[in-house]
Amino acid sequence: MLKVFTFMLFLGAVFFYNAVLAQEPVPGTSKDSSVKKNKKIFRKADPDLAYNPRIASYRSAILPGWGQATNKKIWKVPVVYAALGTTTYIFFRNVKQFNEAKAAYANAIDGDPTNDYLIPQPYFSVKDQPERIKTFRNEVRQNIDYTVLFFILFWGLNVVDATVDAHMKTFDVTDDLSLYLKPGYSQLANTNGISLILKIGNNHSK
């Protein structure tokens, strides 16, 4: 399972690397257009520029927490790594338990009592009931699969959070909000009426 976990991480890294860096120029555009776009992803964030959700999502996909740092939400970075780090720790702990239970079960059913000393606790106390060891081994293997899924889920949530946060950064959250009525004339209906106007910042509906 450790090899599977490592292989999945490798595939994910290759996928995101190709998605971000291996983009071919579109016919009819400048040959270095894709290179400029890639440089934009990896350059230092410019505080004078608007937040870019695409860049934030790419960065979080490549390195968890990078998109949050780009959005100036540094406090979220430890949360991201706490989730991924905890899942990784549980994964390796389960892998260790699986290997121990697998070896203990093999020694318990081989019919050779001379190697029973190789069975560690708590498996040694139930060596005469190998099915209990087998059941525990299978449960641990299932837990390994779950931890891999949760790791991928947390990585994906990290990307989603960075993307949504970047979108929210562009919203107008000014206190200059008001709602008022405005009389008007509709040329289409040839009637007078009243419009409900919502003012957001310096923008007015007309």
N, C-alpha and C. Protein backbone atom coordinates (compact mmCIF):
# COMPACT_ATOMS: atom_id res chain seq x y z
N MET A 1 0.81 -1.21 0.00
CA MET A 1 0.00 0.00 0.00
C MET A 1 0.85 1.26 0.00
N LEU A 2 2.04 1.17 0.59
CA LEU A 2 2.93 2.33 0.57
C LEU A 2 3.32 2.67 -0.85
N LYS A 3 3.58 1.64 -1.65
CA LYS A 3 3.91 1.88 -3.05
C LYS A 3 2.73 2.48 -3.79
N VAL A 4 1.52 2.02 -3.49
CA VAL A 4 0.32 2.57 -4.13
C VAL A 4 0.16 4.04 -3.78
N PHE A 5 0.35 4.36 -2.50
CA PHE A 5 0.21 5.74 -2.04
C PHE A 5 1.23 6.64 -2.73
N THR A 6 2.49 6.17 -2.78
CA THR A 6 3.54 6.95 -3.43
C THR A 6 3.27 7.10 -4.91
N PHE A 7 2.77 6.03 -5.55
CA PHE A 7 2.47 6.09 -6.97
C PHE A 7 1.35 7.07 -7.28
N MET A 8 0.33 7.11 -6.40
CA MET A 8 -0.78 8.04 -6.60
C MET A 8 -0.31 9.49 -6.46
N LEU A 9 0.57 9.74 -5.49
CA LEU A 9 1.12 11.08 -5.35
C LEU A 9 1.93 11.47 -6.58
N PHE A 10 2.69 10.49 -7.11
CA PHE A 10 3.48 10.76 -8.31
C PHE A 10 2.59 11.09 -9.49
N LEU A 11 1.52 10.32 -9.66
CA LEU A 11 0.59 10.60 -10.76
C LEU A 11 -0.06 11.96 -10.62
N GLY A 12 -0.42 12.32 -9.38
CA GLY A 12 -1.01 13.62 -9.16
C GLY A 12 -0.04 14.73 -9.49
N ALA A 13 1.22 14.57 -9.12
CA ALA A 13 2.23 15.58 -9.41
C ALA A 13 2.44 15.71 -10.92
N VAL A 14 2.49 14.58 -11.61
CA VAL A 14 2.66 14.61 -13.06
C VAL A 14 1.48 15.28 -13.73
N PHE A 15 0.26 14.97 -13.25
CA PHE A 15 -0.94 15.55 -13.85
C PHE A 15 -0.93 17.07 -13.73
N PHE A 16 -0.66 17.55 -12.53
CA PHE A 16 -0.68 19.00 -12.33
C PHE A 16 0.49 19.67 -13.03
N TYR A 17 1.62 18.97 -13.12
CA TYR A 17 2.75 19.54 -13.84
C TYR A 17 2.42 19.71 -15.31
N ASN A 18 1.80 18.69 -15.89
CA ASN A 18 1.43 18.77 -17.30
C ASN A 18 0.35 19.83 -17.53
N ALA A 19 -0.60 19.91 -16.59
CA ALA A 19 -1.70 20.87 -16.75
C ALA A 19 -1.21 22.29 -16.70
N VAL A 20 -0.14 22.54 -15.92
CA VAL A 20 0.32 23.90 -15.73
C VAL A 20 1.46 24.26 -16.65
N LEU A 21 2.40 23.34 -16.84
CA LEU A 21 3.62 23.67 -17.54
C LEU A 21 3.68 23.18 -18.98
N ALA A 22 2.96 22.10 -19.28
CA ALA A 22 3.12 21.48 -20.60
C ALA A 22 2.03 21.90 -21.56
N GLN A 23 1.59 23.13 -21.48
CA GLN A 23 0.56 23.61 -22.39
C GLN A 23 1.21 24.10 -23.67
N GLU A 24 0.75 23.56 -24.80
CA GLU A 24 1.29 23.97 -26.09
C GLU A 24 0.66 25.29 -26.52
N PRO A 25 1.41 26.14 -27.21
CA PRO A 25 0.83 27.40 -27.70
C PRO A 25 -0.29 27.14 -28.68
N VAL A 26 -1.34 27.93 -28.60
CA VAL A 26 -2.47 27.81 -29.52
C VAL A 26 -2.08 28.38 -30.86
N PRO A 27 -2.42 27.68 -31.98
CA PRO A 27 -2.07 28.19 -33.30
C PRO A 27 -2.61 29.60 -33.49
N GLY A 28 -1.75 30.46 -34.06
CA GLY A 28 -2.17 31.83 -34.29
C GLY A 28 -1.79 32.76 -33.16
N THR A 29 -1.23 32.23 -32.09
CA THR A 29 -0.80 33.07 -30.98
C THR A 29 0.71 33.06 -30.91
N SER A 30 1.25 33.89 -30.06
CA SER A 30 2.69 33.97 -29.89
C SER A 30 3.22 32.66 -29.36
N LYS A 31 4.42 32.24 -29.81
CA LYS A 31 4.98 30.97 -29.39
C LYS A 31 5.30 30.95 -27.90
N ASP A 32 5.56 32.11 -27.33
CA ASP A 32 5.91 32.13 -25.92
C ASP A 32 4.74 32.50 -25.04
N SER A 33 3.51 32.38 -25.56
CA SER A 33 2.34 32.74 -24.75
C SER A 33 2.18 31.81 -23.57
N SER A 34 2.40 30.48 -23.79
CA SER A 34 2.27 29.53 -22.70
C SER A 34 3.38 29.74 -21.67
N VAL A 35 4.57 30.11 -22.14
CA VAL A 35 5.67 30.36 -21.22
C VAL A 35 5.36 31.55 -20.33
N LYS A 36 4.79 32.60 -20.91
CA LYS A 36 4.42 33.77 -20.12
C LYS A 36 3.36 33.42 -19.09
N LYS A 37 2.41 32.57 -19.48
CA LYS A 37 1.36 32.16 -18.57
C LYS A 37 1.94 31.37 -17.40
N ASN A 38 2.90 30.48 -17.70
CA ASN A 38 3.51 29.69 -16.64
C ASN A 38 4.32 30.57 -15.70
N LYS A 39 5.01 31.56 -16.25
CA LYS A 39 5.76 32.49 -15.41
C LYS A 39 4.82 33.25 -14.50
N LYS A 40 3.62 33.54 -14.99
CA LYS A 40 2.64 34.25 -14.18
C LYS A 40 2.21 33.42 -12.98
N ILE A 41 2.14 32.11 -13.16
CA ILE A 41 1.73 31.22 -12.07
C ILE A 41 2.80 31.17 -10.98
N PHE A 42 4.07 31.15 -11.40
CA PHE A 42 5.13 30.93 -10.44
C PHE A 42 5.78 32.22 -9.94
N ARG A 43 5.39 33.36 -10.49
CA ARG A 43 6.02 34.59 -10.04
C ARG A 43 5.49 34.99 -8.67
N LYS A 44 6.17 35.91 -8.05
CA LYS A 44 5.75 36.42 -6.74
C LYS A 44 4.46 37.21 -6.89
N ALA A 45 3.54 37.01 -5.94
CA ALA A 45 2.25 37.69 -6.00
C ALA A 45 2.43 39.20 -5.95
N ASP A 46 1.74 39.89 -6.84
CA ASP A 46 1.78 41.35 -6.88
C ASP A 46 0.58 41.90 -6.13
N PRO A 47 0.79 42.62 -5.01
CA PRO A 47 -0.35 43.11 -4.22
C PRO A 47 -1.19 44.14 -4.95
N ASP A 48 -0.64 44.72 -6.02
CA ASP A 48 -1.40 45.74 -6.76
C ASP A 48 -2.34 45.13 -7.79
N LEU A 49 -2.20 43.83 -8.04
CA LEU A 49 -3.04 43.18 -9.03
C LEU A 49 -4.21 42.46 -8.36
N ALA A 50 -5.30 42.30 -9.11
CA ALA A 50 -6.47 41.60 -8.57
C ALA A 50 -6.13 40.13 -8.35
N TYR A 51 -6.82 39.51 -7.41
CA TYR A 51 -6.60 38.10 -7.12
C TYR A 51 -7.11 37.25 -8.28
N ASN A 52 -6.32 36.28 -8.69
CA ASN A 52 -6.65 35.43 -9.82
C ASN A 52 -7.00 34.03 -9.32
N PRO A 53 -8.27 33.62 -9.40
CA PRO A 53 -8.67 32.29 -8.92
C PRO A 53 -7.94 31.16 -9.61
N ARG A 54 -7.67 31.31 -10.91
CA ARG A 54 -6.99 30.24 -11.64
C ARG A 54 -5.58 30.04 -11.11
N ILE A 55 -4.87 31.12 -10.90
CA ILE A 55 -3.51 31.01 -10.37
C ILE A 55 -3.53 30.42 -8.97
N ALA A 56 -4.48 30.86 -8.14
CA ALA A 56 -4.58 30.33 -6.78
C ALA A 56 -4.86 28.83 -6.79
N SER A 57 -5.73 28.38 -7.69
CA SER A 57 -6.05 26.95 -7.75
C SER A 57 -4.87 26.14 -8.26
N TYR A 58 -4.16 26.63 -9.28
CA TYR A 58 -2.99 25.93 -9.78
C TYR A 58 -1.93 25.80 -8.70
N ARG A 59 -1.71 26.89 -7.97
CA ARG A 59 -0.66 26.87 -6.95
C ARG A 59 -1.01 25.90 -5.82
N SER A 60 -2.27 25.87 -5.41
CA SER A 60 -2.66 24.94 -4.35
C SER A 60 -2.62 23.50 -4.83
N ALA A 61 -2.87 23.28 -6.11
CA ALA A 61 -2.78 21.93 -6.65
C ALA A 61 -1.34 21.44 -6.68
N ILE A 62 -0.41 22.34 -6.98
CA ILE A 62 1.00 21.97 -7.04
C ILE A 62 1.58 21.81 -5.64
N LEU A 63 1.29 22.78 -4.77
CA LEU A 63 1.82 22.75 -3.40
C LEU A 63 0.71 23.20 -2.45
N PRO A 64 0.18 22.30 -1.62
CA PRO A 64 -0.90 22.68 -0.70
C PRO A 64 -0.50 23.88 0.17
N GLY A 65 -1.42 24.83 0.26
CA GLY A 65 -1.18 26.02 1.06
C GLY A 65 -0.62 27.18 0.27
N TRP A 66 -0.08 26.91 -0.91
CA TRP A 66 0.48 27.98 -1.72
C TRP A 66 -0.60 28.95 -2.18
N GLY A 67 -1.76 28.41 -2.58
CA GLY A 67 -2.86 29.27 -3.00
C GLY A 67 -3.38 30.12 -1.85
N GLN A 68 -3.44 29.54 -0.65
CA GLN A 68 -3.88 30.30 0.52
C GLN A 68 -2.91 31.43 0.83
N ALA A 69 -1.61 31.16 0.68
CA ALA A 69 -0.61 32.21 0.89
C ALA A 69 -0.74 33.29 -0.17
N THR A 70 -1.06 32.90 -1.40
CA THR A 70 -1.27 33.88 -2.47
C THR A 70 -2.45 34.78 -2.15
N ASN A 71 -3.48 34.20 -1.56
CA ASN A 71 -4.68 34.98 -1.19
C ASN A 71 -4.50 35.75 0.12
N LYS A 72 -3.28 35.67 0.68
CA LYS A 72 -2.96 36.36 1.94
C LYS A 72 -3.81 35.82 3.09
N LYS A 73 -4.06 34.53 3.06
CA LYS A 73 -4.73 33.85 4.17
C LYS A 73 -3.72 32.87 4.79
N ILE A 74 -2.66 33.44 5.33
CA ILE A 74 -1.57 32.63 5.87
C ILE A 74 -2.05 31.71 6.99
N TRP A 75 -3.04 32.16 7.75
CA TRP A 75 -3.51 31.36 8.89
C TRP A 75 -4.11 30.03 8.45
N LYS A 76 -4.49 29.93 7.17
CA LYS A 76 -5.07 28.68 6.67
C LYS A 76 -4.01 27.64 6.33
N VAL A 77 -2.77 28.08 6.11
CA VAL A 77 -1.71 27.15 5.72
C VAL A 77 -1.49 26.08 6.79
N PRO A 78 -1.36 26.44 8.08
CA PRO A 78 -1.21 25.38 9.09
C PRO A 78 -2.41 24.42 9.14
N VAL A 79 -3.61 24.93 8.86
CA VAL A 79 -4.79 24.08 8.86
C VAL A 79 -4.69 23.05 7.73
N VAL A 80 -4.25 23.51 6.55
CA VAL A 80 -4.10 22.61 5.41
C VAL A 80 -3.09 21.51 5.73
N TYR A 81 -1.95 21.89 6.29
CA TYR A 81 -0.91 20.90 6.56
C TYR A 81 -1.25 20.03 7.76
N ALA A 82 -2.07 20.54 8.67
CA ALA A 82 -2.52 19.71 9.78
C ALA A 82 -3.40 18.58 9.27
N ALA A 83 -4.30 18.91 8.34
CA ALA A 83 -5.19 17.89 7.77
C ALA A 83 -4.40 16.87 6.96
N LEU A 84 -3.51 17.35 6.08
CA LEU A 84 -2.74 16.43 5.25
C LEU A 84 -1.70 15.66 6.08
N GLY A 85 -1.10 16.35 7.05
CA GLY A 85 -0.10 15.69 7.88
C GLY A 85 -0.69 14.61 8.76
N THR A 86 -1.87 14.90 9.34
CA THR A 86 -2.53 13.89 10.18
C THR A 86 -2.91 12.67 9.36
N THR A 87 -3.44 12.91 8.16
CA THR A 87 -3.81 11.79 7.29
C THR A 87 -2.59 10.97 6.89
N THR A 88 -1.50 11.66 6.61
CA THR A 88 -0.26 10.95 6.24
C THR A 88 0.26 10.12 7.40
N TYR A 89 0.22 10.68 8.61
CA TYR A 89 0.68 9.94 9.79
C TYR A 89 -0.16 8.68 10.00
N ILE A 90 -1.48 8.82 9.89
CA ILE A 90 -2.37 7.67 10.08
C ILE A 90 -2.11 6.62 9.00
N PHE A 91 -1.83 7.08 7.78
CA PHE A 91 -1.55 6.15 6.69
C PHE A 91 -0.33 5.29 7.01
N PHE A 92 0.78 5.91 7.39
CA PHE A 92 2.00 5.15 7.67
C PHE A 92 1.84 4.28 8.92
N ARG A 93 1.07 4.75 9.90
CA ARG A 93 0.82 3.92 11.08
C ARG A 93 0.03 2.67 10.70
N ASN A 94 -0.97 2.84 9.83
CA ASN A 94 -1.76 1.69 9.39
C ASN A 94 -0.94 0.73 8.54
N VAL A 95 -0.05 1.29 7.72
CA VAL A 95 0.83 0.43 6.91
C VAL A 95 1.70 -0.43 7.82
N LYS A 96 2.23 0.18 8.88
CA LYS A 96 3.06 -0.58 9.82
C LYS A 96 2.25 -1.68 10.50
N GLN A 97 1.03 -1.35 10.94
CA GLN A 97 0.18 -2.35 11.59
C GLN A 97 -0.19 -3.46 10.62
N PHE A 98 -0.45 -3.11 9.37
CA PHE A 98 -0.81 -4.11 8.37
C PHE A 98 0.34 -5.09 8.15
N ASN A 99 1.56 -4.57 8.03
CA ASN A 99 2.72 -5.44 7.81
C ASN A 99 2.95 -6.35 9.02
N GLU A 100 2.78 -5.81 10.22
CA GLU A 100 2.95 -6.63 11.42
C GLU A 100 1.89 -7.74 11.50
N ALA A 101 0.63 -7.35 11.23
CA ALA A 101 -0.45 -8.34 11.28
C ALA A 101 -0.29 -9.38 10.18
N LYS A 102 0.17 -8.96 9.02
CA LYS A 102 0.37 -9.90 7.91
C LYS A 102 1.44 -10.93 8.26
N ALA A 103 2.56 -10.46 8.84
CA ALA A 103 3.63 -11.37 9.23
C ALA A 103 3.19 -12.28 10.38
N ALA A 104 2.46 -11.72 11.33
CA ALA A 104 1.99 -12.53 12.46
C ALA A 104 1.03 -13.62 12.00
N TYR A 105 0.16 -13.29 11.07
CA TYR A 105 -0.79 -14.29 10.55
C TYR A 105 -0.06 -15.40 9.81
N ALA A 106 0.95 -15.01 9.03
CA ALA A 106 1.71 -16.03 8.28
C ALA A 106 2.43 -16.98 9.24
N ASN A 107 3.00 -16.44 10.32
CA ASN A 107 3.69 -17.29 11.29
C ASN A 107 2.72 -18.13 12.13
N ALA A 108 1.50 -17.61 12.30
CA ALA A 108 0.52 -18.34 13.12
C ALA A 108 -0.07 -19.54 12.39
N ILE A 109 -0.10 -19.50 11.07
CA ILE A 109 -0.74 -20.59 10.32
C ILE A 109 0.28 -21.51 9.63
N ASP A 110 1.58 -21.27 9.84
CA ASP A 110 2.56 -22.09 9.12
C ASP A 110 2.76 -23.45 9.77
N GLY A 111 2.16 -23.68 10.95
CA GLY A 111 2.28 -24.98 11.60
C GLY A 111 3.62 -25.25 12.24
N ASP A 112 4.47 -24.25 12.33
CA ASP A 112 5.80 -24.41 12.92
C ASP A 112 5.86 -23.61 14.22
N PRO A 113 5.74 -24.25 15.38
CA PRO A 113 5.73 -23.53 16.66
C PRO A 113 7.09 -22.96 17.04
N THR A 114 8.15 -23.35 16.33
CA THR A 114 9.49 -22.87 16.70
C THR A 114 9.70 -21.39 16.35
N ASN A 115 8.86 -20.87 15.46
CA ASN A 115 9.02 -19.46 15.10
C ASN A 115 7.92 -18.58 15.68
N ASP A 116 7.20 -19.10 16.66
CA ASP A 116 6.15 -18.31 17.28
C ASP A 116 6.71 -17.09 18.02
N TYR A 117 8.00 -17.19 18.38
CA TYR A 117 8.59 -16.06 19.08
C TYR A 117 8.68 -14.81 18.19
N LEU A 118 8.54 -15.03 16.88
CA LEU A 118 8.55 -13.91 15.94
C LEU A 118 7.24 -13.15 15.94
N ILE A 119 6.21 -13.69 16.54
CA ILE A 119 4.90 -13.03 16.57
C ILE A 119 4.87 -12.04 17.73
N PRO A 120 4.77 -10.75 17.45
CA PRO A 120 4.77 -9.75 18.52
C PRO A 120 3.40 -9.65 19.17
N GLN A 121 3.38 -8.99 20.31
CA GLN A 121 2.10 -8.67 20.94
C GLN A 121 1.47 -7.51 20.18
N PRO A 122 0.16 -7.44 20.14
CA PRO A 122 -0.83 -8.29 20.85
C PRO A 122 -1.22 -9.55 20.09
N TYR A 123 -0.52 -9.83 18.96
CA TYR A 123 -0.90 -10.97 18.14
C TYR A 123 -0.50 -12.31 18.78
N PHE A 124 0.57 -12.28 19.58
CA PHE A 124 1.04 -13.51 20.19
C PHE A 124 -0.01 -14.13 21.12
N SER A 125 -0.75 -13.28 21.81
CA SER A 125 -1.75 -13.78 22.76
C SER A 125 -2.91 -14.48 22.06
N VAL A 126 -3.08 -14.24 20.75
CA VAL A 126 -4.18 -14.89 20.00
C VAL A 126 -3.63 -15.71 18.84
N LYS A 127 -2.38 -16.17 18.97
CA LYS A 127 -1.76 -16.93 17.87
C LYS A 127 -2.49 -18.23 17.58
N ASP A 128 -3.21 -18.74 18.59
CA ASP A 128 -3.99 -19.96 18.39
C ASP A 128 -5.34 -19.68 17.73
N GLN A 129 -5.62 -18.40 17.49
CA GLN A 129 -6.84 -17.98 16.79
C GLN A 129 -6.44 -17.09 15.61
N PRO A 130 -5.81 -17.67 14.62
CA PRO A 130 -5.28 -16.86 13.50
C PRO A 130 -6.35 -16.09 12.74
N GLU A 131 -7.59 -16.56 12.79
CA GLU A 131 -8.64 -15.83 12.07
C GLU A 131 -8.86 -14.44 12.66
N ARG A 132 -8.62 -14.29 13.96
CA ARG A 132 -8.75 -12.97 14.57
C ARG A 132 -7.66 -12.04 14.05
N ILE A 133 -6.46 -12.60 13.88
CA ILE A 133 -5.38 -11.79 13.31
C ILE A 133 -5.70 -11.42 11.86
N LYS A 134 -6.24 -12.37 11.12
CA LYS A 134 -6.60 -12.12 9.72
C LYS A 134 -7.67 -11.04 9.61
N THR A 135 -8.67 -11.11 10.50
CA THR A 135 -9.75 -10.10 10.49
C THR A 135 -9.18 -8.72 10.76
N PHE A 136 -8.29 -8.61 11.76
CA PHE A 136 -7.67 -7.32 12.07
C PHE A 136 -6.83 -6.82 10.91
N ARG A 137 -6.10 -7.74 10.26
CA ARG A 137 -5.28 -7.35 9.11
C ARG A 137 -6.14 -6.76 8.00
N ASN A 138 -7.27 -7.40 7.73
CA ASN A 138 -8.16 -6.91 6.68
C ASN A 138 -8.77 -5.55 7.03
N GLU A 139 -9.09 -5.35 8.31
CA GLU A 139 -9.63 -4.06 8.74
C GLU A 139 -8.61 -2.95 8.58
N VAL A 140 -7.36 -3.26 8.92
CA VAL A 140 -6.30 -2.25 8.79
C VAL A 140 -6.08 -1.91 7.32
N ARG A 141 -6.14 -2.92 6.47
CA ARG A 141 -5.97 -2.65 5.04
C ARG A 141 -7.09 -1.74 4.52
N GLN A 142 -8.29 -1.95 4.99
CA GLN A 142 -9.40 -1.08 4.61
C GLN A 142 -9.17 0.34 5.10
N ASN A 143 -8.62 0.47 6.31
CA ASN A 143 -8.31 1.80 6.83
C ASN A 143 -7.25 2.51 6.00
N ILE A 144 -6.31 1.74 5.46
CA ILE A 144 -5.29 2.33 4.58
C ILE A 144 -5.95 2.94 3.35
N ASP A 145 -6.89 2.22 2.77
CA ASP A 145 -7.61 2.74 1.60
C ASP A 145 -8.36 4.02 1.95
N TYR A 146 -8.97 4.05 3.11
CA TYR A 146 -9.71 5.24 3.54
C TYR A 146 -8.79 6.44 3.72
N THR A 147 -7.62 6.20 4.31
CA THR A 147 -6.71 7.32 4.53
C THR A 147 -6.21 7.91 3.21
N VAL A 148 -6.00 7.04 2.22
CA VAL A 148 -5.61 7.54 0.89
C VAL A 148 -6.71 8.41 0.30
N LEU A 149 -7.96 7.96 0.42
CA LEU A 149 -9.08 8.73 -0.09
C LEU A 149 -9.22 10.06 0.64
N PHE A 150 -9.04 10.04 1.96
CA PHE A 150 -9.14 11.28 2.73
C PHE A 150 -8.01 12.23 2.39
N PHE A 151 -6.82 11.70 2.13
CA PHE A 151 -5.70 12.55 1.74
C PHE A 151 -6.02 13.27 0.43
N ILE A 152 -6.52 12.51 -0.54
CA ILE A 152 -6.88 13.11 -1.83
C ILE A 152 -8.01 14.12 -1.65
N LEU A 153 -8.97 13.80 -0.77
CA LEU A 153 -10.08 14.71 -0.51
C LEU A 153 -9.59 16.01 0.10
N PHE A 154 -8.71 15.93 1.09
CA PHE A 154 -8.19 17.13 1.73
C PHE A 154 -7.36 17.96 0.76
N TRP A 155 -6.62 17.29 -0.10
CA TRP A 155 -5.84 18.01 -1.11
C TRP A 155 -6.79 18.76 -2.05
N GLY A 156 -7.86 18.07 -2.46
CA GLY A 156 -8.84 18.73 -3.33
C GLY A 156 -9.54 19.88 -2.65
N LEU A 157 -9.90 19.72 -1.37
CA LEU A 157 -10.54 20.81 -0.63
C LEU A 157 -9.60 22.00 -0.49
N ASN A 158 -8.32 21.73 -0.39
CA ASN A 158 -7.33 22.80 -0.34
C ASN A 158 -7.36 23.63 -1.62
N VAL A 159 -7.51 22.96 -2.77
CA VAL A 159 -7.60 23.66 -4.05
C VAL A 159 -8.90 24.45 -4.15
N VAL A 160 -10.00 23.81 -3.75
CA VAL A 160 -11.31 24.48 -3.80
C VAL A 160 -11.33 25.71 -2.91
N ASP A 161 -10.78 25.58 -1.71
CA ASP A 161 -10.75 26.71 -0.78
C ASP A 161 -9.98 27.89 -1.36
N ALA A 162 -8.82 27.61 -1.96
CA ALA A 162 -8.02 28.69 -2.55
C ALA A 162 -8.74 29.35 -3.70
N THR A 163 -9.43 28.54 -4.52
CA THR A 163 -10.15 29.09 -5.67
C THR A 163 -11.32 29.97 -5.23
N VAL A 164 -12.13 29.45 -4.30
CA VAL A 164 -13.28 30.22 -3.82
C VAL A 164 -12.83 31.48 -3.09
N ASP A 165 -11.76 31.36 -2.32
CA ASP A 165 -11.26 32.51 -1.58
C ASP A 165 -10.80 33.60 -2.52
N ALA A 166 -10.15 33.22 -3.62
CA ALA A 166 -9.71 34.20 -4.61
C ALA A 166 -10.90 34.89 -5.27
N HIS A 167 -11.96 34.11 -5.54
CA HIS A 167 -13.18 34.71 -6.10
C HIS A 167 -13.78 35.71 -5.12
N MET A 168 -13.83 35.34 -3.84
CA MET A 168 -14.44 36.21 -2.84
C MET A 168 -13.64 37.50 -2.65
N LYS A 169 -12.34 37.43 -2.93
CA LYS A 169 -11.51 38.63 -2.77
C LYS A 169 -11.92 39.73 -3.71
N THR A 170 -12.52 39.37 -4.85
CA THR A 170 -12.91 40.38 -5.85
C THR A 170 -14.29 40.95 -5.60
N PHE A 171 -15.02 40.44 -4.61
CA PHE A 171 -16.36 40.94 -4.34
C PHE A 171 -16.28 42.29 -3.63
N ASP A 172 -17.26 43.13 -3.91
CA ASP A 172 -17.35 44.43 -3.25
C ASP A 172 -18.03 44.23 -1.90
N VAL A 173 -17.26 44.41 -0.84
CA VAL A 173 -17.81 44.25 0.51
C VAL A 173 -17.82 45.58 1.24
N THR A 174 -17.93 46.68 0.50
CA THR A 174 -17.94 48.00 1.11
C THR A 174 -19.20 48.20 1.94
N ASP A 175 -19.13 49.11 2.90
CA ASP A 175 -20.29 49.43 3.73
C ASP A 175 -21.25 50.38 3.02
N ASP A 176 -20.82 50.90 1.85
CA ASP A 176 -21.65 51.86 1.13
C ASP A 176 -22.71 51.11 0.32
N LEU A 177 -23.66 50.52 1.01
CA LEU A 177 -24.76 49.79 0.39
C LEU A 177 -26.07 50.46 0.75
N SER A 178 -26.95 50.62 -0.21
CA SER A 178 -28.24 51.25 0.07
C SER A 178 -29.27 50.75 -0.92
N LEU A 179 -30.52 50.84 -0.51
CA LEU A 179 -31.65 50.41 -1.32
C LEU A 179 -32.67 51.54 -1.33
N TYR A 180 -33.05 52.00 -2.53
CA TYR A 180 -33.98 53.13 -2.58
C TYR A 180 -34.88 53.00 -3.81
N LEU A 181 -35.96 53.79 -3.81
CA LEU A 181 -36.92 53.81 -4.91
C LEU A 181 -36.63 54.99 -5.82
N LYS A 182 -36.87 54.77 -7.12
CA LYS A 182 -36.63 55.83 -8.09
C LYS A 182 -37.76 55.81 -9.13
N PRO A 183 -38.47 56.94 -9.26
CA PRO A 183 -39.53 57.00 -10.28
C PRO A 183 -38.92 57.00 -11.68
N GLY A 184 -39.66 56.44 -12.63
CA GLY A 184 -39.14 56.38 -13.99
C GLY A 184 -40.24 56.18 -15.00
N TYR A 185 -39.87 56.29 -16.26
CA TYR A 185 -40.81 56.15 -17.36
C TYR A 185 -40.33 55.05 -18.29
N SER A 186 -41.20 54.10 -18.62
CA SER A 186 -40.87 53.00 -19.51
C SER A 186 -41.38 53.31 -20.90
N GLN A 187 -40.45 53.52 -21.85
CA GLN A 187 -40.85 53.79 -23.23
C GLN A 187 -41.49 52.57 -23.89
N LEU A 188 -41.04 51.37 -23.48
CA LEU A 188 -41.58 50.16 -24.07
C LEU A 188 -43.04 49.97 -23.71
N ALA A 189 -43.36 50.17 -22.42
CA ALA A 189 -44.75 49.99 -21.98
C ALA A 189 -45.54 51.28 -22.03
N ASN A 190 -44.86 52.42 -22.29
CA ASN A 190 -45.51 53.73 -22.35
C ASN A 190 -46.26 54.02 -21.05
N THR A 191 -45.58 53.68 -19.93
CA THR A 191 -46.19 53.91 -18.62
C THR A 191 -45.15 54.47 -17.66
N ASN A 192 -45.65 55.12 -16.63
CA ASN A 192 -44.78 55.57 -15.55
C ASN A 192 -44.69 54.46 -14.50
N GLY A 193 -43.59 54.46 -13.76
CA GLY A 193 -43.42 53.42 -12.75
C GLY A 193 -42.37 53.81 -11.73
N ILE A 194 -42.12 52.87 -10.85
CA ILE A 194 -41.12 53.07 -9.80
C ILE A 194 -40.15 51.91 -9.85
N SER A 195 -38.87 52.24 -9.81
CA SER A 195 -37.81 51.23 -9.83
C SER A 195 -37.21 51.09 -8.44
N LEU A 196 -36.84 49.84 -8.10
CA LEU A 196 -36.15 49.56 -6.84
C LEU A 196 -34.66 49.47 -7.16
N ILE A 197 -33.87 50.41 -6.60
CA ILE A 197 -32.45 50.54 -6.92
C ILE A 197 -31.61 50.04 -5.76
N LEU A 198 -30.67 49.13 -6.05
CA LEU A 198 -29.71 48.66 -5.05
C LEU A 198 -28.37 49.27 -5.39
N LYS A 199 -27.84 50.07 -4.48
CA LYS A 199 -26.56 50.74 -4.66
C LYS A 199 -25.47 49.91 -3.99
N ILE A 200 -24.43 49.58 -4.76
CA ILE A 200 -23.28 48.84 -4.23
C ILE A 200 -22.04 49.66 -4.54
N GLY A 201 -21.48 50.26 -3.51
CA GLY A 201 -20.32 51.11 -3.69
C GLY A 201 -20.68 52.31 -4.51
N ASN A 202 -19.87 52.52 -5.57
CA ASN A 202 -20.12 53.66 -6.44
C ASN A 202 -20.89 53.30 -7.69
N ASN A 203 -21.37 52.04 -7.74
CA ASN A 203 -22.12 51.60 -8.93
C ASN A 203 -23.61 51.79 -8.69
N HIS A 204 -24.32 52.27 -9.67
CA HIS A 204 -25.75 52.49 -9.58
C HIS A 204 -26.43 51.78 -10.73
N SER A 205 -27.55 51.12 -10.39
CA SER A 205 -28.39 50.53 -11.43
C SER A 205 -29.22 51.61 -12.07
N LYS A 206 -29.31 51.63 -13.36
CA LYS A 206 -30.09 52.66 -14.05
C LYS A 206 -31.12 52.02 -14.96
